[in-house]
C-alpha atoms as a PDB file:
ATOM      1  CA  MET A   1     -22.473  -2.705  23.850  1.00  0.00           C
ATOM      2  CA  ARG A   2     -21.295  -6.278  23.417  1.00  0.00           C
ATOM      3  CA  ILE A   3     -17.775  -7.462  22.384  1.00  0.00           C
ATOM      4  CA  GLY A   4     -17.566  -9.193  19.014  1.00  0.00           C
ATOM      5  CA  LEU A   5     -14.885 -10.520  16.761  1.00  0.00           C
ATOM      6  CA  LEU A   6     -14.233 -10.338  12.915  1.00  0.00           C
ATOM      7  CA  ILE A   7     -13.369 -13.918  12.341  1.00  0.00           C
ATOM      8  CA  ASP A   8      -9.957 -14.612  10.874  1.00  0.00           C
ATOM      9  CA  PRO A   9      -8.366 -17.785  12.178  1.00  0.00           C
ATOM     10  CA  ILE A  10      -7.670 -17.294  15.870  1.00  0.00           C
ATOM     11  CA  VAL A  11      -5.486 -20.448  15.744  1.00  0.00           C
ATOM     12  CA  PRO A  12      -4.386 -21.058  12.120  1.00  0.00           C
ATOM     13  CA  ASP A  13      -4.173 -24.810  12.534  1.00  0.00           C
ATOM     14  CA  LEU A  14      -7.849 -25.139  13.609  1.00  0.00           C
ATOM     15  CA  SER A  15     -10.676 -25.577  11.198  1.00  0.00           C
ATOM     16  CA  TYR A  16     -13.179 -22.824  10.492  1.00  0.00           C
ATOM     17  CA  ARG A  17     -15.752 -24.266  12.737  1.00  0.00           C
ATOM     18  CA  ASP A  18     -13.239 -24.925  15.554  1.00  0.00           C
ATOM     19  CA  ASN A  19     -12.219 -21.241  15.301  1.00  0.00           C
ATOM     20  CA  LEU A  20     -15.859 -20.279  15.790  1.00  0.00           C
ATOM     21  CA  ARG A  21     -16.008 -22.567  18.764  1.00  0.00           C
ATOM     22  CA  ARG A  22     -12.826 -20.932  20.018  1.00  0.00           C
ATOM     23  CA  ALA A  23     -14.305 -17.477  19.644  1.00  0.00           C
ATOM     24  CA  ALA A  24     -17.309 -18.544  21.706  1.00  0.00           C
ATOM     25  CA  GLY A  25     -15.061 -20.117  24.358  1.00  0.00           C
ATOM     26  CA  LEU A  26     -13.058 -16.887  24.653  1.00  0.00           C
ATOM     27  CA  GLY A  27     -16.314 -15.044  25.601  1.00  0.00           C
ATOM     28  CA  PHE A  28     -17.140 -13.181  22.419  1.00  0.00           C
ATOM     29  CA  GLU A  29     -20.872 -12.679  21.843  1.00  0.00           C
ATOM     30  CA  VAL A  30     -21.192 -11.566  18.288  1.00  0.00           C
ATOM     31  CA  VAL A  31     -19.262 -12.214  15.145  1.00  0.00           C
ATOM     32  CA  GLN A  32     -18.689 -10.613  11.669  1.00  0.00           C
ATOM     33  CA  LEU A  33     -17.764 -13.240   9.089  1.00  0.00           C
ATOM     34  CA  TRP A  34     -16.098 -13.047   5.764  1.00  0.00           C
ATOM     35  CA  TYR A  35     -18.725 -13.588   3.063  1.00  0.00           C
ATOM     36  CA  ARG A  36     -16.500 -15.779   0.823  1.00  0.00           C
ATOM     37  CA  ASP A  37     -15.497 -17.901   3.812  1.00  0.00           C
ATOM     38  CA  MET A  38     -19.082 -18.418   4.824  1.00  0.00           C
ATOM     39  CA  VAL A  39     -20.068 -19.370   1.211  1.00  0.00           C
ATOM     40  CA  SER A  40     -17.179 -21.819   1.093  1.00  0.00           C
ATOM     41  CA  GLU A  41     -17.887 -23.289   4.436  1.00  0.00           C
ATOM     42  CA  SER A  42     -21.659 -23.636   3.947  1.00  0.00           C
ATOM     43  CA  ARG A  43     -21.363 -24.526   0.246  1.00  0.00           C
ATOM     44  CA  GLY A  44     -23.814 -21.829  -0.537  1.00  0.00           C
ATOM     45  CA  ASN A  45     -26.342 -22.919   2.097  1.00  0.00           C
ATOM     46  CA  PRO A  46     -25.776 -21.091   5.320  1.00  0.00           C
ATOM     47  CA  ALA A  47     -28.336 -22.920   7.484  1.00  0.00           C
ATOM     48  CA  ASP A  48     -25.745 -25.305   9.062  1.00  0.00           C
ATOM     49  CA  THR A  49     -23.385 -22.539   9.931  1.00  0.00           C
ATOM     50  CA  VAL A  50     -26.110 -20.299  11.304  1.00  0.00           C
ATOM     51  CA  SER A  51     -27.312 -23.230  13.378  1.00  0.00           C
ATOM     52  CA  LEU A  52     -23.833 -23.758  14.776  1.00  0.00           C
ATOM     53  CA  LEU A  53     -23.432 -20.202  15.597  1.00  0.00           C
ATOM     54  CA  LYS A  54     -26.788 -20.308  17.492  1.00  0.00           C
ATOM     55  CA  ASP A  55     -25.679 -23.374  19.424  1.00  0.00           C
ATOM     56  CA  LEU A  56     -22.493 -21.540  20.309  1.00  0.00           C
ATOM     57  CA  GLY A  57     -24.439 -18.473  21.554  1.00  0.00           C
ATOM     58  CA  LEU A  58     -22.881 -16.330  18.819  1.00  0.00           C
ATOM     59  CA  GLU A  59     -24.944 -13.823  16.880  1.00  0.00           C
ATOM     60  CA  LEU A  60     -23.879 -13.281  13.269  1.00  0.00           C
ATOM     61  CA  LYS A  61     -24.044  -9.415  12.896  1.00  0.00           C
ATOM     62  CA  SER A  62     -22.759  -8.918   9.351  1.00  0.00           C
ATOM     63  CA  LEU A  63     -20.947 -10.328   6.371  1.00  0.00           C
ATOM     64  CA  ALA A  64     -17.714  -8.584   5.221  1.00  0.00           C
ATOM     65  CA  ALA A  65     -17.576  -8.237   1.371  1.00  0.00           C
ATOM     66  CA  TYR A  66     -14.781  -5.825   0.788  1.00  0.00           C
ATOM     67  CA  THR A  67     -13.987  -4.837  -2.823  1.00  0.00           C
ATOM     68  CA  ASP A  68     -13.016  -1.934  -4.950  1.00  0.00           C
ATOM     69  CA  VAL A  69     -16.347  -0.508  -6.113  1.00  0.00           C
ATOM     70  CA  LEU A  70     -14.492   1.806  -8.400  1.00  0.00           C
ATOM     71  CA  ASP A  71     -12.018  -0.710  -9.799  1.00  0.00           C
ATOM     72  CA  PRO A  72     -10.968   0.659 -13.234  1.00  0.00           C
ATOM     73  CA  LYS A  73      -9.791  -2.766 -14.419  1.00  0.00           C
ATOM     74  CA  ARG A  74     -13.181  -4.376 -14.118  1.00  0.00           C
ATOM     75  CA  GLU A  75     -16.604  -3.728 -15.505  1.00  0.00           C
ATOM     76  CA  TRP A  76     -19.175  -2.334 -13.082  1.00  0.00           C
ATOM     77  CA  GLU A  77     -21.635  -5.157 -13.843  1.00  0.00           C
ATOM     78  CA  GLU A  78     -19.083  -7.677 -12.616  1.00  0.00           C
ATOM     79  CA  ILE A  79     -18.370  -5.724  -9.390  1.00  0.00           C
ATOM     80  CA  PHE A  80     -22.157  -5.228  -8.848  1.00  0.00           C
ATOM     81  CA  GLY A  81     -22.850  -8.938  -9.479  1.00  0.00           C
ATOM     82  CA  GLU A  82     -20.426  -9.894  -6.678  1.00  0.00           C
ATOM     83  CA  LEU A  83     -21.888  -7.469  -4.179  1.00  0.00           C
ATOM     84  CA  ARG A  84     -25.452  -8.379  -5.257  1.00  0.00           C
ATOM     85  CA  GLU A  85     -24.615 -12.048  -4.473  1.00  0.00           C
ATOM     86  CA  ALA A  86     -23.338 -11.034  -1.045  1.00  0.00           C
ATOM     87  CA  ILE A  87     -26.512  -9.051  -0.311  1.00  0.00           C
ATOM     88  CA  ASP A  88     -28.638 -11.969  -1.496  1.00  0.00           C
ATOM     89  CA  PHE A  89     -26.655 -14.493   0.541  1.00  0.00           C
ATOM     90  CA  ALA A  90     -27.060 -12.287   3.683  1.00  0.00           C
ATOM     91  CA  SER A  91     -30.784 -12.055   3.146  1.00  0.00           C
ATOM     92  CA  SER A  92     -31.147 -15.813   2.817  1.00  0.00           C
ATOM     93  CA  ALA A  93     -29.040 -16.304   5.895  1.00  0.00           C
ATOM     94  CA  GLY A  94     -30.989 -13.869   7.951  1.00  0.00           C
ATOM     95  CA  VAL A  95     -27.995 -11.522   8.271  1.00  0.00           C
ATOM     96  CA  ARG A  96     -28.938  -7.843   8.599  1.00  0.00           C
ATOM     97  CA  CYS A  97     -25.821  -6.161   7.284  1.00  0.00           C
ATOM     98  CA  VAL A  98     -23.201  -6.477   4.493  1.00  0.00           C
ATOM     99  CA  VAL A  99     -20.054  -4.446   4.962  1.00  0.00           C
ATOM    100  CA  THR A 100     -17.865  -3.048   2.070  1.00  0.00           C
ATOM    101  CA  GLU A 101     -15.579  -0.085   1.227  1.00  0.00           C
ATOM    102  CA  SER A 102     -15.716   2.594  -1.403  1.00  0.00           C
ATOM    103  CA  GLY A 103     -12.652   1.574  -3.299  1.00  0.00           C
ATOM    104  CA  GLY A 104     -10.950   4.247  -5.388  1.00  0.00           C
ATOM    105  CA  GLU A 105      -7.942   6.303  -4.328  1.00  0.00           C
ATOM    106  CA  PRO A 106      -7.752   8.921  -1.537  1.00  0.00           C
ATOM    107  CA  GLY A 107      -8.388  12.383  -3.147  1.00  0.00           C
ATOM    108  CA  GLY A 108      -9.905  10.954  -6.317  1.00  0.00           C
ATOM    109  CA  LEU A 109     -12.965  13.139  -6.125  1.00  0.00           C
ATOM    110  CA  GLU A 110     -13.373  13.323  -9.880  1.00  0.00           C
ATOM    111  CA  LEU A 111     -15.032   9.838  -9.473  1.00  0.00           C
ATOM    112  CA  TRP A 112     -17.483  11.010  -6.821  1.00  0.00           C
ATOM    113  CA  GLY A 113     -20.523  11.125  -9.164  1.00  0.00           C
ATOM    114  CA  GLU A 114     -19.730   7.562 -10.396  1.00  0.00           C
ATOM    115  CA  LEU A 115     -19.359   6.421  -6.831  1.00  0.00           C
ATOM    116  CA  ILE A 116     -22.763   7.813  -5.989  1.00  0.00           C
ATOM    117  CA  ARG A 117     -24.332   6.148  -9.068  1.00  0.00           C
ATOM    118  CA  ARG A 118     -22.837   2.806  -8.238  1.00  0.00           C
ATOM    119  CA  PHE A 119     -23.818   2.897  -4.480  1.00  0.00           C
ATOM    120  CA  SER A 120     -27.313   4.044  -5.472  1.00  0.00           C
ATOM    121  CA  GLN A 121     -27.681   0.841  -7.340  1.00  0.00           C
ATOM    122  CA  LEU A 122     -26.248  -1.214  -4.524  1.00  0.00           C
ATOM    123  CA  VAL A 123     -28.524   0.467  -1.998  1.00  0.00           C
ATOM    124  CA  SER A 124     -31.577  -0.116  -4.175  1.00  0.00           C
ATOM    125  CA  HIS A 125     -30.751  -3.798  -4.220  1.00  0.00           C
ATOM    126  CA  ALA A 126     -30.213  -3.838  -0.467  1.00  0.00           C
ATOM    127  CA  VAL A 127     -33.554  -2.257   0.051  1.00  0.00           C
ATOM    128  CA  SER A 128     -35.196  -4.975  -2.128  1.00  0.00           C
ATOM    129  CA  ARG A 129     -33.623  -7.696   0.073  1.00  0.00           C
ATOM    130  CA  ASP A 130     -34.145  -5.858   3.384  1.00  0.00           C
ATOM    131  CA  VAL A 131     -30.409  -5.768   4.065  1.00  0.00           C
ATOM    132  CA  ILE A 132     -28.373  -2.736   5.281  1.00  0.00           C
ATOM    133  CA  LEU A 133     -25.277  -1.961   3.346  1.00  0.00           C
ATOM    134  CA  LEU A 134     -22.579  -0.620   5.614  1.00  0.00           C
ATOM    135  CA  VAL A 135     -19.574   1.310   4.176  1.00  0.00           C
ATOM    136  CA  GLU A 136     -16.372   1.151   6.154  1.00  0.00           C
ATOM    137  CA  ASN A 137     -13.981   4.124   6.212  1.00  0.00           C
ATOM    138  CA  GLY A 138     -10.668   2.925   4.873  1.00  0.00           C
ATOM    139  CA  PRO A 139      -7.483   4.910   5.036  1.00  0.00           C
ATOM    140  CA  GLY A 140      -6.292   3.783   1.586  1.00  0.00           C
ATOM    141  CA  VAL A 141      -9.598   4.368  -0.388  1.00  0.00           C
ATOM    142  CA  LEU A 142     -11.623   7.269  -1.590  1.00  0.00           C
ATOM    143  CA  VAL A 143     -14.108   7.523   1.341  1.00  0.00           C
ATOM    144  CA  ASN A 144     -11.598   7.754   4.175  1.00  0.00           C
ATOM    145  CA  ASP A 145     -12.270  10.817   6.385  1.00  0.00           C
ATOM    146  CA  ILE A 146     -15.123  12.561   8.295  1.00  0.00           C
ATOM    147  CA  GLU A 147     -16.106  14.865   5.474  1.00  0.00           C
ATOM    148  CA  LEU A 148     -16.428  12.198   2.776  1.00  0.00           C
ATOM    149  CA  MET A 149     -18.243   9.696   5.079  1.00  0.00           C
ATOM    150  CA  SER A 150     -20.759  12.448   5.983  1.00  0.00           C
ATOM    151  CA  ARG A 151     -21.045  13.464   2.282  1.00  0.00           C
ATOM    152  CA  LEU A 152     -21.732   9.889   1.160  1.00  0.00           C
ATOM    153  CA  MET A 153     -24.470   9.367   3.768  1.00  0.00           C
ATOM    154  CA  SER A 154     -26.032  12.692   2.818  1.00  0.00           C
ATOM    155  CA  ASP A 155     -25.924  12.205  -0.935  1.00  0.00           C
ATOM    156  CA  LEU A 156     -27.544   8.836  -0.714  1.00  0.00           C
ATOM    157  CA  ASP A 157     -29.811   9.331   2.323  1.00  0.00           C
ATOM    158  CA  SER A 158     -31.182   5.871   2.829  1.00  0.00           C
ATOM    159  CA  SER A 159     -32.137   3.926   6.001  1.00  0.00           C
ATOM    160  CA  HIS A 160     -30.614   0.911   4.301  1.00  0.00           C
ATOM    161  CA  LEU A 161     -27.111   2.572   4.188  1.00  0.00           C
ATOM    162  CA  GLY A 162     -24.843   3.079   7.150  1.00  0.00           C
ATOM    163  CA  ILE A 163     -21.319   3.150   8.351  1.00  0.00           C
ATOM    164  CA  ASN A 164     -19.283   0.291   9.807  1.00  0.00           C
ATOM    165  CA  PHE A 165     -16.886   2.762  11.659  1.00  0.00           C
ATOM    166  CA  ASP A 166     -13.193   1.783  12.114  1.00  0.00           C
ATOM    167  CA  PRO A 167     -11.522   4.256  14.453  1.00  0.00           C
ATOM    168  CA  ALA A 168      -8.039   2.780  13.666  1.00  0.00           C
ATOM    169  CA  ASN A 169      -8.507   3.517   9.950  1.00  0.00           C
ATOM    170  CA  LEU A 170      -9.253   7.137  10.832  1.00  0.00           C
ATOM    171  CA  VAL A 171      -6.088   7.455  12.914  1.00  0.00           C
ATOM    172  CA  LEU A 172      -4.219   6.290   9.762  1.00  0.00           C
ATOM    173  CA  VAL A 173      -5.599   9.086   7.634  1.00  0.00           C
ATOM    174  CA  PRO A 174      -5.163  10.852  10.082  1.00  0.00           C
ATOM    175  CA  ASP A 175      -8.480  12.462  11.286  1.00  0.00           C
ATOM    176  CA  ASP A 176     -10.178  13.070  14.634  1.00  0.00           C
ATOM    177  CA  VAL A 177     -11.927   9.941  15.960  1.00  0.00           C
ATOM    178  CA  ILE A 178     -14.124  11.655  18.551  1.00  0.00           C
ATOM    179  CA  ARG A 179     -15.270  14.343  16.175  1.00  0.00           C
ATOM    180  CA  ALA A 180     -16.140  11.684  13.644  1.00  0.00           C
ATOM    181  CA  VAL A 181     -18.515  10.004  16.104  1.00  0.00           C
ATOM    182  CA  GLN A 182     -20.164  13.428  16.859  1.00  0.00           C
ATOM    183  CA  VAL A 183     -20.551  14.307  13.226  1.00  0.00           C
ATOM    184  CA  LEU A 184     -21.603  10.925  11.918  1.00  0.00           C
ATOM    185  CA  GLY A 185     -23.868   9.978  14.875  1.00  0.00           C
ATOM    186  CA  ALA A 186     -26.705   7.736  13.974  1.00  0.00           C
ATOM    187  CA  HIS A 187     -25.118   6.669  10.636  1.00  0.00           C
ATOM    188  CA  ILE A 188     -22.658   4.473  12.668  1.00  0.00           C
ATOM    189  CA  ARG A 189     -24.415   1.130  12.844  1.00  0.00           C
ATOM    190  CA  ASP A 190     -21.456  -0.959  13.925  1.00  0.00           C
ATOM    191  CA  THR A 191     -17.839  -0.370  14.758  1.00  0.00           C
ATOM    192  CA  HIS A 192     -14.577  -2.277  14.594  1.00  0.00           C
ATOM    193  CA  ALA A 193     -12.494  -2.152  17.767  1.00  0.00           C
ATOM    194  CA  LYS A 194      -9.080  -1.934  16.248  1.00  0.00           C
ATOM    195  CA  ASP A 195      -6.020   0.071  17.188  1.00  0.00           C
ATOM    196  CA  ALA A 196      -3.451   1.833  15.073  1.00  0.00           C
ATOM    197  CA  ILE A 197      -0.343   3.998  15.048  1.00  0.00           C
ATOM    198  CA  LEU A 198       0.584   6.171  12.050  1.00  0.00           C
ATOM    199  CA  ILE A 199       4.336   6.411  11.667  1.00  0.00           C
ATOM    200  CA  LYS A 200       5.468   9.210   9.471  1.00  0.00           C
ATOM    201  CA  GLU A 201       8.766   9.310   7.584  1.00  0.00           C
ATOM    202  CA  GLY A 202      11.526  10.572   9.902  1.00  0.00           C
ATOM    203  CA  SER A 203       9.679   9.653  13.131  1.00  0.00           C
ATOM    204  CA  ARG A 204      11.847   8.054  15.866  1.00  0.00           C
ATOM    205  CA  ARG A 205       8.907   6.290  17.538  1.00  0.00           C
ATOM    206  CA  GLN A 206       9.673   2.633  18.130  1.00  0.00           C
ATOM    207  CA  VAL A 207       7.073   0.072  17.265  1.00  0.00           C
ATOM    208  CA  PRO A 208       7.134  -3.749  17.132  1.00  0.00           C
ATOM    209  CA  GLU A 209       7.869  -4.713  13.526  1.00  0.00           C
ATOM    210  CA  GLU A 210       5.422  -7.574  13.707  1.00  0.00           C
ATOM    211  CA  HIS A 211       2.510  -5.054  13.923  1.00  0.00           C
ATOM    212  CA  VAL A 212       3.480  -3.131  10.784  1.00  0.00           C
ATOM    213  CA  PHE A 213       0.756  -3.440   8.205  1.00  0.00           C
ATOM    214  CA  ARG A 214       1.572  -5.746   5.203  1.00  0.00           C
ATOM    215  CA  MET A 215      -0.753  -5.656   2.244  1.00  0.00           C
ATOM    216  CA  PRO A 216      -2.966  -8.806   2.376  1.00  0.00           C
ATOM    217  CA  GLU A 217      -3.207 -10.823  -0.876  1.00  0.00           C
ATOM    218  CA  GLY A 218      -6.050  -9.608  -2.947  1.00  0.00           C
ATOM    219  CA  GLU A 219      -6.332  -6.178  -1.360  1.00  0.00           C
ATOM    220  CA  GLU A 220      -4.070  -4.316  -3.788  1.00  0.00           C
ATOM    221  CA  PHE A 221      -6.776  -1.683  -4.154  1.00  0.00           C
ATOM    222  CA  ILE A 222      -5.734  -0.272  -0.727  1.00  0.00           C
ATOM    223  CA  HIS A 223      -3.395   2.634  -1.386  1.00  0.00           C
ATOM    224  CA  LEU A 224      -0.589   2.955   1.195  1.00  0.00           C
ATOM    225  CA  PRO A 225       1.252   6.241   1.146  1.00  0.00           C
ATOM    226  CA  LYS A 226       4.943   5.922   0.424  1.00  0.00           C
ATOM    227  CA  ASP A 227       6.083   8.093   3.260  1.00  0.00           C
ATOM    228  CA  VAL A 228       4.244   6.400   6.134  1.00  0.00           C
ATOM    229  CA  ARG A 229       3.983   3.094   7.983  1.00  0.00           C
ATOM    230  CA  TRP A 230       0.636   1.770   9.301  1.00  0.00           C
ATOM    231  CA  VAL A 231       1.016  -0.076  12.563  1.00  0.00           C
ATOM    232  CA  LEU A 232      -1.842  -2.271  13.905  1.00  0.00           C
ATOM    233  CA  PRO A 233      -1.094  -3.386  17.492  1.00  0.00           C
ATOM    234  CA  PRO A 234      -3.547  -5.101  19.831  1.00  0.00           C
ATOM    235  CA  VAL A 235      -6.350  -2.909  21.219  1.00  0.00           C
ATOM    236  CA  GLY A 236      -5.115  -0.567  23.870  1.00  0.00           C
ATOM    237  CA  GLU A 237      -1.528  -0.295  22.523  1.00  0.00           C
ATOM    238  CA  GLY A 238      -2.072   2.214  19.855  1.00  0.00           C
ATOM    239  CA  ASP A 239      -3.434   5.766  19.367  1.00  0.00           C
ATOM    240  CA  VAL A 240      -7.218   5.276  19.244  1.00  0.00           C
ATOM    241  CA  PRO A 241      -8.483   6.984  22.431  1.00  0.00           C
ATOM    242  CA  PHE A 242     -10.816   4.086  23.303  1.00  0.00           C
ATOM    243  CA  GLU A 243     -12.139   5.419  26.617  1.00  0.00           C
ATOM    244  CA  ASN A 244     -13.281   8.706  25.035  1.00  0.00           C
ATOM    245  CA  TYR A 245     -14.321   6.829  21.827  1.00  0.00           C
ATOM    246  CA  VAL A 246     -16.718   4.537  23.762  1.00  0.00           C
ATOM    247  CA  ALA A 247     -17.988   7.591  25.771  1.00  0.00           C
ATOM    248  CA  ALA A 248     -18.622   9.400  22.472  1.00  0.00           C
ATOM    249  CA  LEU A 249     -20.519   6.406  21.040  1.00  0.00           C
ATOM    250  CA  LYS A 250     -22.677   6.280  24.056  1.00  0.00           C
ATOM    251  CA  GLY A 251     -23.320  10.039  23.770  1.00  0.00           C
ATOM    252  CA  VAL A 252     -24.773   9.674  20.314  1.00  0.00           C
ATOM    253  CA  GLY A 253     -26.999   6.772  21.223  1.00  0.00           C
ATOM    254  CA  PHE A 254     -24.978   4.166  19.536  1.00  0.00           C
ATOM    255  CA  GLU A 255     -26.785   0.750  19.590  1.00  0.00           C
ATOM    256  CA  GLY A 256     -24.174  -1.459  17.905  1.00  0.00           C
ATOM    257  CA  ASP A 257     -21.293  -3.518  19.256  1.00  0.00           C
ATOM    258  CA  LEU A 258     -17.523  -3.403  19.435  1.00  0.00           C
ATOM    259  CA  ILE A 259     -16.313  -5.897  16.849  1.00  0.00           C
ATOM    260  CA  SER A 260     -12.658  -6.660  17.649  1.00  0.00           C
ATOM    261  CA  GLU A 261     -10.436  -6.812  14.554  1.00  0.00           C
ATOM    262  CA  VAL A 262      -6.854  -8.058  14.865  1.00  0.00           C
ATOM    263  CA  GLN A 263      -4.771  -7.424  11.736  1.00  0.00           C
ATOM    264  CA  GLY A 264      -1.318  -7.184  13.145  1.00  0.00           C
ATOM    265  CA  GLY A 265       1.361  -9.923  13.233  1.00  0.00           C
ATOM    266  CA  GLY A 266       2.760 -11.897  16.060  1.00  0.00           C
ATOM    267  CA  ASN A 267       0.749 -14.509  17.910  1.00  0.00           C
ATOM    268  CA  ARG A 268      -2.755 -14.030  16.834  1.00  0.00           C
ATOM    269  CA  GLU A 269      -4.476 -15.820  19.651  1.00  0.00           C
ATOM    270  CA  GLU A 270      -2.512 -13.773  22.236  1.00  0.00           C
ATOM    271  CA  ALA A 271      -3.606 -10.531  20.440  1.00  0.00           C
ATOM    272  CA  VAL A 272      -7.191 -11.564  20.142  1.00  0.00           C
ATOM    273  CA  VAL A 273      -7.343 -12.434  23.929  1.00  0.00           C
ATOM    274  CA  GLN A 274      -5.429  -9.278  24.912  1.00  0.00           C
ATOM    275  CA  SER A 275      -7.747  -7.049  22.816  1.00  0.00           C
ATOM    276  CA  ARG A 276     -10.836  -8.681  24.428  1.00  0.00           C
ATOM    277  CA  GLU A 277      -9.533  -8.354  27.847  1.00  0.00           C
ATOM    278  CA  TYR A 278      -8.834  -4.630  27.233  1.00  0.00           C
ATOM    279  CA  LEU A 279     -12.327  -4.117  25.851  1.00  0.00           C
ATOM    280  CA  THR A 280     -13.916  -5.954  28.798  1.00  0.00           C
ATOM    281  CA  ARG A 281     -12.054  -3.728  31.277  1.00  0.00           C
ATOM    282  CA  LEU A 282     -13.035  -0.714  29.251  1.00  0.00           C
ATOM    283  CA  LEU A 283     -16.789  -1.564  29.300  1.00  0.00           C
ATOM    284  CA  GLN A 284     -16.492  -2.234  33.018  1.00  0.00           C
ATOM    285  CA  GLY A 285     -14.828   1.158  33.607  1.00  0.00           C
ATOM    286  CA  ASN A 286     -11.401  -0.072  34.481  1.00  0.00           C
ATOM    287  CA  THR A 287      -8.745   0.110  31.729  1.00  0.00           C
ATOM    288  CA  GLN A 288      -5.993   0.365  34.308  1.00  0.00           C
ATOM    289  CA  ALA A 289      -6.374  -3.347  35.549  1.00  0.00           C
END
């Protein structure tokens, strides 16, 4: 396993390209980029950005194109068109995977048939472009737990569909991270290395306020329960059992990478560095250093 990074600005005042250089300088080996950011940066032509990544020794693993696939306020053809463009762009850029979420609300199983219909169309297009569509488990969307991730993979049953597994998101459901790896096995193509703490109403557990999840602009489709707080600290400071998690991934023959994702507040560069140092010690077998 290599250590990667989902690119948000490491240093907010730096340009997009300088943040890529910063990621390489910090020792990351692979990156996941936001689809819209890459389109904007490359003006629709990814060759220059791909060339820069190659020069920096960074491999572009996947493009993140999160949206609400079940958005009741939008026509399906509009949603499909956006994700089709992301798949086409990934294909033209030589990027193997596009990552999205299911959308919908937790527990909204009355829409399961429509979800399968829509993802069948997306997967068919991914097959035509030789791209793998990865669905991430999100705590505030329909496909959020072990059972539903397994059901989605079984119902669609395609080599061009997989899971971008986020253990932190499963902690926030909550569900069992280690059992998820054992159940989902080969469907997990890549994984975010992100940490989390679920604070239920009435809990006396103290956490830094800067790491309490705040809804990002444009992600209103994520449904945050009213009686909990989601906390996203640097890797190693939350409740994801990372040592057992990595061991479980190895146990199922996982061939992907650990893509660090830092969503909490505070000093972003410090959190990125701290998370990478923890993951480095973990892969070296020494998380106590």
